[in-house]
């Protein structure tokens, strides 16, 4: 993932109400934990030493990514169910078996 959104100028700043648990979770992300390592991987930057606003933005981005991935999973599952219901999978398999593989001319 790129960190381009973290380097873009902010258009607006919103307040974010945080509970005691939220504050504890954010503090935990500042410590050397598996969660911080995972967030660093997802954000593409080292979390250590970032400003609180940047840390919250990274958490926001990770949440959006998780939401998009879940939506894609549901869309794929729905498409698969539709294909199964319509019987398209048998026809797709027959076509795939007859098709010459892309790698067949290599070598």
Protein backbone atom coordinates (compact mmCIF):
# COMPACT_ATOMS: atom_id res chain seq x y z
CA UNK A 1 0.00 0.00 0.00
CA UNK A 2 1.14 3.52 -0.64
CA UNK A 3 1.12 6.22 1.96
CA UNK A 4 0.09 8.96 -0.45
CA UNK A 5 -2.98 9.93 1.55
CA UNK A 6 -0.81 10.58 4.60
CA UNK A 7 1.31 13.02 2.61
CA UNK A 8 -1.61 14.83 1.00
CA UNK A 9 -2.64 18.10 2.64
CA UNK A 10 -5.61 17.74 4.95
CA UNK A 11 -8.79 19.26 3.60
CA UNK A 12 -10.56 19.32 6.94
CA UNK A 13 -10.06 18.21 10.52
CA UNK A 14 -12.84 16.50 12.43
CA UNK A 15 -13.11 15.80 16.11
CA UNK A 16 -13.15 12.15 17.05
CA UNK A 17 -14.82 11.14 20.30
CA UNK A 18 -12.72 8.44 21.99
CA UNK A 19 -13.70 6.27 24.93
CA UNK A 20 -11.30 5.11 27.63
CA UNK A 21 -11.00 1.81 25.77
CA UNK A 22 -10.24 3.65 22.51
CA UNK A 23 -7.51 5.65 24.24
CA UNK A 24 -6.05 2.44 25.67
CA UNK A 25 -6.08 0.86 22.20
CA UNK A 26 -4.31 3.87 20.69
CA UNK A 27 -1.74 3.78 23.50
CA UNK A 28 -1.22 0.08 22.81
CA UNK A 29 -0.46 0.89 19.16
CA UNK A 30 2.35 3.13 20.37
CA UNK A 31 3.99 0.16 22.16
CA UNK A 32 5.86 -2.67 20.50
CA UNK A 33 2.91 -4.99 19.93
CA UNK A 34 1.76 -7.30 17.15
CA UNK A 35 -1.04 -4.80 16.47
CA UNK A 36 1.45 -1.97 15.89
CA UNK A 37 3.49 -4.19 13.59
CA UNK A 38 0.36 -5.09 11.63
CA UNK A 39 -0.67 -1.43 11.35
CA UNK A 40 2.83 -0.51 10.15
CA UNK A 41 2.59 -3.18 7.45
CA UNK A 42 -0.86 -2.03 6.39
CA UNK A 43 0.12 1.65 6.32
CA UNK A 44 3.47 1.06 4.68
CA UNK A 45 5.32 3.19 7.24
CA UNK A 46 6.77 2.70 10.70
CA UNK A 47 4.22 3.69 13.33
CA UNK A 48 6.87 4.53 15.92
CA UNK A 49 7.16 8.27 16.57
CA UNK A 50 4.25 9.45 14.41
CA UNK A 51 1.97 12.24 15.58
CA UNK A 52 -1.33 11.25 17.15
CA UNK A 53 -3.30 12.65 14.21
CA UNK A 54 -1.21 10.58 11.79
CA UNK A 55 -1.70 7.48 13.92
CA UNK A 56 -5.47 7.99 14.00
CA UNK A 57 -5.47 8.51 10.23
CA UNK A 58 -3.55 5.26 9.75
CA UNK A 59 -6.12 3.45 11.89
CA UNK A 60 -8.91 5.05 9.84
CA UNK A 61 -7.28 3.93 6.57
CA UNK A 62 -6.81 0.38 7.87
CA UNK A 63 -10.47 0.28 8.85
CA UNK A 64 -11.58 1.49 5.42
CA UNK A 65 -9.40 -1.14 3.76
CA UNK A 66 -10.94 -3.87 5.92
CA UNK A 67 -14.43 -2.64 5.02
CA UNK A 68 -13.61 -2.65 1.29
CA UNK A 69 -12.12 -6.14 1.52
CA UNK A 70 -15.20 -7.44 3.32
CA UNK A 71 -17.46 -5.86 0.67
CA UNK A 72 -15.39 -7.51 -2.09
CA UNK A 73 -15.59 -10.87 -0.34
CA UNK A 74 -19.37 -10.56 -0.17
CA UNK A 75 -19.57 -9.53 -3.82
CA UNK A 76 -17.45 -12.52 -4.89
CA UNK A 77 -19.52 -14.88 -2.75
CA UNK A 78 -22.72 -13.48 -4.21
CA UNK A 79 -21.39 -13.83 -7.76
CA UNK A 80 -20.36 -17.42 -7.03
CA UNK A 81 -23.81 -18.21 -5.66
CA UNK A 82 -25.41 -16.67 -8.76
CA UNK A 83 -23.16 -18.75 -11.03
CA UNK A 84 -23.96 -21.91 -9.11
CA UNK A 85 -27.67 -21.17 -9.24
CA UNK A 86 -27.60 -20.55 -12.99
CA UNK A 87 -25.40 -23.55 -13.81
CA UNK A 88 -22.71 -21.38 -15.42
CA UNK A 89 -19.91 -23.17 -13.58
CA UNK A 90 -20.27 -26.38 -15.58
CA UNK A 91 -20.12 -24.48 -18.86
CA UNK A 92 -17.15 -22.39 -17.66
CA UNK A 93 -15.28 -25.57 -16.72
CA UNK A 94 -15.94 -27.12 -20.13
CA UNK A 95 -14.64 -23.98 -21.86
CA UNK A 96 -11.58 -23.80 -19.59
CA UNK A 97 -10.70 -27.43 -20.34
CA UNK A 98 -10.82 -26.80 -24.10
CA UNK A 99 -8.83 -23.56 -23.90
CA UNK A 100 -5.08 -23.75 -24.53
CA UNK A 101 -3.16 -22.53 -21.45
CA UNK A 102 -1.38 -19.17 -21.80
CA UNK A 103 1.92 -20.76 -20.81
CA UNK A 104 1.70 -23.53 -23.45
CA UNK A 105 3.93 -21.66 -25.94
CA UNK A 106 6.65 -20.91 -23.40
CA UNK A 107 9.94 -22.69 -23.39
